[in-house]
Protein backbone atom coordinates (compact mmCIF):
# COMPACT_ATOMS: atom_id res chain seq x y z
CA MET A 1 10.43 116.12 197.66
CA LEU A 2 13.32 118.36 196.74
CA THR A 3 15.33 117.43 193.68
CA PHE A 4 18.88 118.45 192.88
CA PRO A 5 20.75 118.55 189.54
CA ARG A 6 23.34 115.84 188.97
CA LEU A 7 26.95 116.95 188.79
CA ASP A 8 28.73 113.62 188.89
CA VAL A 9 28.22 112.01 185.49
CA HIS A 10 31.37 109.91 185.07
CA THR A 11 32.28 106.85 183.10
CA SER A 12 32.91 104.29 185.81
CA LEU A 13 34.81 101.03 185.81
CA SER A 14 31.86 99.48 187.65
CA GLY A 15 29.12 100.88 185.42
CA GLY A 16 28.82 104.28 183.82
CA LEU A 17 27.69 106.03 180.69
CA GLY A 18 27.47 102.91 178.57
CA ILE A 19 28.15 99.16 178.66
CA VAL A 20 30.29 99.19 175.52
CA PHE A 21 32.43 102.10 176.67
CA ALA A 22 32.79 100.63 180.16
CA ALA A 23 33.97 97.39 178.58
CA ALA A 24 36.53 99.36 176.58
CA LEU A 25 37.75 100.96 179.78
CA LEU A 26 38.18 97.59 181.42
CA THR A 27 39.99 96.20 178.39
CA ALA A 28 42.41 99.13 178.30
CA CYS A 29 43.09 98.91 182.01
CA SER A 30 43.58 95.15 182.01
CA GLY A 31 45.88 95.47 179.02
CA ALA A 32 48.09 97.76 181.07
CA ALA A 33 48.24 95.30 183.95
CA GLN A 34 51.07 92.78 184.11
CA GLY A 35 50.17 89.19 183.46
CA GLY A 36 46.69 89.86 181.99
CA GLY A 37 44.01 87.41 183.03
CA GLY A 38 41.77 89.88 184.85
CA GLN A 39 39.62 92.81 183.87
CA LYS A 40 40.64 95.10 186.68
CA PRO A 41 42.55 98.39 186.62
CA PRO A 42 46.16 98.04 187.74
CA VAL A 43 46.89 98.66 191.41
CA SER A 44 49.50 101.33 192.16
CA SER A 45 51.46 102.01 195.31
CA ASP A 46 50.29 105.63 195.55
CA ALA A 47 47.49 107.86 194.29
CA GLN A 48 49.69 109.92 191.95
CA THR A 49 50.95 106.85 190.10
CA ALA A 50 47.40 105.51 189.81
CA ALA A 51 46.23 108.85 188.39
CA THR A 52 49.11 108.95 185.89
CA ARG A 53 48.16 105.47 184.68
CA ALA A 54 44.51 106.51 184.53
CA LEU A 55 45.41 109.51 182.38
CA GLU A 56 47.19 107.20 179.92
CA THR A 57 44.06 105.07 179.76
CA LEU A 58 41.89 108.13 179.22
CA ARG A 59 44.06 109.32 176.33
CA LYS A 60 43.58 105.96 174.58
CA LEU A 61 39.84 105.90 175.12
CA VAL A 62 38.81 109.34 173.91
CA THR A 63 37.52 109.23 170.33
CA ALA A 64 35.78 111.63 167.99
CA ASP A 65 32.47 110.09 169.06
CA ASN A 66 32.88 110.47 172.83
CA ALA A 67 35.31 113.39 173.19
CA ARG A 68 32.68 115.98 174.08
CA ASP A 69 30.99 113.72 176.63
CA MET A 70 34.38 113.33 178.30
CA GLY A 71 35.00 117.09 178.28
CA PHE A 72 37.26 117.54 175.23
CA ALA A 73 36.69 119.45 172.00
CA GLU A 74 38.42 116.68 170.04
CA PRO A 75 40.66 113.65 170.74
CA GLY A 76 43.84 115.63 170.21
CA GLU A 77 43.15 117.55 173.40
CA ALA A 78 43.13 114.34 175.43
CA ALA A 79 46.42 113.29 173.85
CA SER A 80 48.14 116.42 175.20
CA ALA A 81 46.34 116.53 178.57
CA THR A 82 48.11 116.65 181.93
CA LEU A 83 47.05 116.18 185.54
CA GLY A 84 46.17 119.19 187.69
CA THR A 85 46.16 119.71 191.45
CA PRO A 86 44.17 116.90 193.08
CA VAL A 87 41.45 117.25 195.69
CA ARG A 88 40.40 114.53 198.10
CA VAL A 89 36.78 113.63 198.74
CA GLN A 90 35.01 113.49 202.09
CA MET A 91 31.57 111.97 202.60
CA VAL A 92 28.56 112.91 204.71
CA ARG A 93 26.54 109.80 205.53
CA LEU A 94 22.76 110.01 205.39
CA ASP A 95 22.23 108.49 208.84
CA ALA A 96 24.61 110.97 210.44
CA LEU A 97 23.02 113.93 208.65
CA ARG A 98 19.56 112.85 209.77
CA GLN A 99 20.71 113.00 213.38
CA TYR A 100 22.48 116.34 213.13
CA GLN A 101 21.35 119.00 215.61
CA ALA A 102 22.19 122.70 215.76
CA GLY A 103 25.21 123.26 217.96
CA SER A 104 26.84 119.92 217.10
CA ASP A 105 30.32 119.77 215.65
CA PRO A 106 29.84 119.74 211.85
CA ALA A 107 33.26 118.17 211.30
CA SER A 108 31.99 115.03 213.03
CA LEU A 109 29.84 114.33 209.96
CA LEU A 110 32.82 114.15 207.60
CA THR A 111 34.41 110.81 206.81
CA GLU A 112 37.21 110.12 204.37
CA ALA A 113 35.97 108.58 201.12
CA ASN A 114 39.45 107.30 200.21
CA ARG A 115 38.87 108.91 196.85
CA ILE A 116 40.86 111.63 195.06
CA ILE A 117 39.77 113.69 192.06
CA TYR A 118 42.50 114.72 189.63
CA PRO A 119 41.57 117.48 187.18
CA VAL A 120 42.67 116.76 183.62
CA MET A 121 44.14 119.89 182.09
CA VAL A 122 44.69 121.06 178.53
CA ARG A 123 47.17 123.89 178.87
CA ASP A 124 45.66 125.96 181.70
CA GLN A 125 42.04 124.84 181.28
CA VAL A 126 40.28 122.10 183.23
CA LYS A 127 38.62 119.75 180.76
CA SER A 128 37.90 116.46 182.49
CA SER A 129 38.97 114.34 185.44
CA VAL A 130 40.19 110.97 186.60
CA ILE A 131 39.24 109.62 190.00
CA VAL A 132 41.33 107.16 191.96
CA GLU A 133 40.34 105.21 195.05
CA GLY A 134 42.30 103.33 197.66
CA SER A 135 44.38 103.66 200.80
CA GLY A 136 47.89 102.97 201.99
CA SER A 137 49.87 101.39 199.16
CA GLU A 138 46.93 100.25 197.02
CA TRP A 139 45.33 102.76 194.64
CA LYS A 140 43.51 102.31 191.35
CA ALA A 141 41.42 104.28 188.87
CA SER A 142 37.67 104.19 189.45
CA SER A 143 36.14 106.62 186.95
CA PHE A 144 36.83 109.09 184.16
CA GLY A 145 35.17 112.22 182.81
CA GLY A 146 32.75 114.29 184.91
CA PRO A 147 33.62 117.54 183.10
CA HIS A 148 30.86 119.58 184.76
CA LEU A 149 31.69 118.52 188.30
CA VAL A 150 35.43 119.08 187.94
CA GLY A 151 34.75 122.39 186.19
CA GLN A 152 32.69 123.58 189.15
CA ILE A 153 35.38 122.39 191.55
CA ALA A 154 38.03 124.35 189.65
CA ARG A 155 35.86 127.46 189.37
CA TYR A 156 35.04 127.73 193.04
CA ARG A 157 38.43 126.56 194.27
CA THR A 158 39.94 129.51 192.41
CA ASP A 159 37.31 131.81 193.90
CA VAL A 160 37.75 130.58 197.48
CA THR A 161 41.54 130.60 197.43
CA GLY A 162 41.62 134.10 195.97
CA ARG A 163 38.81 135.63 198.03
CA LEU A 164 39.53 134.02 201.39
CA ASN A 165 43.28 133.39 201.10
CA VAL A 166 42.80 129.64 201.68
CA ALA A 167 45.54 127.29 200.50
CA ALA A 168 44.34 125.27 197.49
CA ASP A 169 45.71 121.99 198.83
CA SER A 170 43.72 122.37 202.05
CA LEU A 171 40.34 122.25 200.29
CA THR A 172 38.30 119.07 200.03
CA VAL A 173 35.22 118.05 198.08
CA VAL A 174 32.40 117.23 200.50
CA HIS A 175 29.85 114.84 199.00
CA VAL A 176 26.40 114.32 200.49
CA ALA A 177 25.84 111.25 198.36
CA ALA A 178 22.23 110.46 199.28
CA LEU A 179 21.11 113.96 198.27
CA ASN A 180 23.60 114.18 195.39
CA LEU A 181 25.11 117.39 196.74
CA TYR A 182 28.69 118.55 196.38
CA PHE A 183 30.52 121.28 198.29
CA LEU A 184 34.03 122.59 198.71
CA GLY A 185 35.10 122.26 202.31
CA TYR A 186 37.75 124.36 204.06
CA ARG A 187 38.45 126.24 207.27
CA VAL A 188 38.51 129.97 207.89
CA ASP A 189 39.83 131.02 211.31
CA GLY A 190 39.32 127.45 212.46
CA ARG A 191 35.66 127.28 211.41
CA LEU A 192 34.57 124.66 208.89
CA MET A 193 33.02 126.31 205.83
CA LEU A 194 31.19 124.87 202.83
CA THR A 195 30.70 126.32 199.36
CA PRO A 196 27.93 124.69 197.26
CA LEU A 197 28.96 123.74 193.74
CA GLU A 198 25.43 124.27 192.38
CA ASN A 199 22.37 126.39 193.14
CA HIS A 200 19.69 124.75 195.31
CA PRO A 201 16.95 127.40 195.67
CA GLU A 202 14.64 125.16 197.72
CA SER A 203 17.24 124.84 200.45
CA LYS A 204 18.53 128.41 200.00
CA LEU A 205 21.99 127.18 199.05
CA GLU A 206 23.66 129.21 196.32
CA ALA A 207 26.60 128.10 194.22
CA GLY A 208 29.74 129.87 195.29
CA SER A 209 28.20 131.31 198.46
CA SER A 210 30.34 130.29 201.43
CA MET A 211 28.44 129.26 204.56
CA PRO A 212 29.47 127.81 207.91
CA ALA A 213 29.10 124.05 207.72
CA ASP A 214 26.88 123.91 210.79
CA GLN A 215 24.34 126.19 209.07
CA VAL A 216 24.39 124.06 205.93
CA PHE A 217 23.80 120.86 207.89
CA VAL A 218 20.96 122.45 209.88
CA VAL A 219 19.26 123.19 206.54
CA LEU A 220 19.92 119.74 205.11
CA ALA A 221 19.09 117.65 208.18
CA PRO A 222 15.28 117.85 207.82
CA ILE A 223 15.60 117.13 204.09
CA ALA A 224 17.64 114.06 204.95
CA ARG A 225 15.08 112.94 207.53
CA ASN A 226 12.34 113.18 204.88
CA TYR A 227 14.37 111.51 202.14
CA ASN A 228 12.68 108.29 200.97
CA GLY A 229 15.79 106.56 199.69
CA LEU A 230 14.90 106.74 195.99
CA PRO A 231 17.57 107.98 193.51
CA LEU A 232 17.45 111.72 192.93
């Protein structure tokens, strides 16, 4: 079976890098909520407000002991951090990928994850991230950190926008969750394109190498059909 490197190591409000740290996250978030009484992150009316609140929580949580795991050289960096340009996440479901056939519309595999990744910046460098989830007028923080994933997103977003003249705010992160694969998704002359965020030699996918989405899904479909459901 093919194996792929993990990019998405975050501290999550529903379980993450450690029970103690996750509890601290919940305590900080619940302390910010009005009325107390529940260990849930506060709900905001829009994604930007939720991300701003999440950044405040992140600043409080980064210590000398965990700063590097969260993407910072030292806690002072987190204290001065700001939010960068967000990118929304789209999902490719395993059952849909298994059924994909050459010639099908690749865009039909994409579904909105109702999740947005906000890079956390120190000056002009991407250091970490906060992720918010929701829809309509209800948004809340879901996870923090993931410095490698957000670093790859920033690296290849800069490459794609410069090389292909694609607007930065039109890009999405495409997540094939079952196979733990991440891509940047965008359109060139109306055609859906994907850029892998990591090398996958077994499937001939190279980080930073733009490919039409239909070709990517043709490669991944047989892998999906053979996938046994165990965590990668």
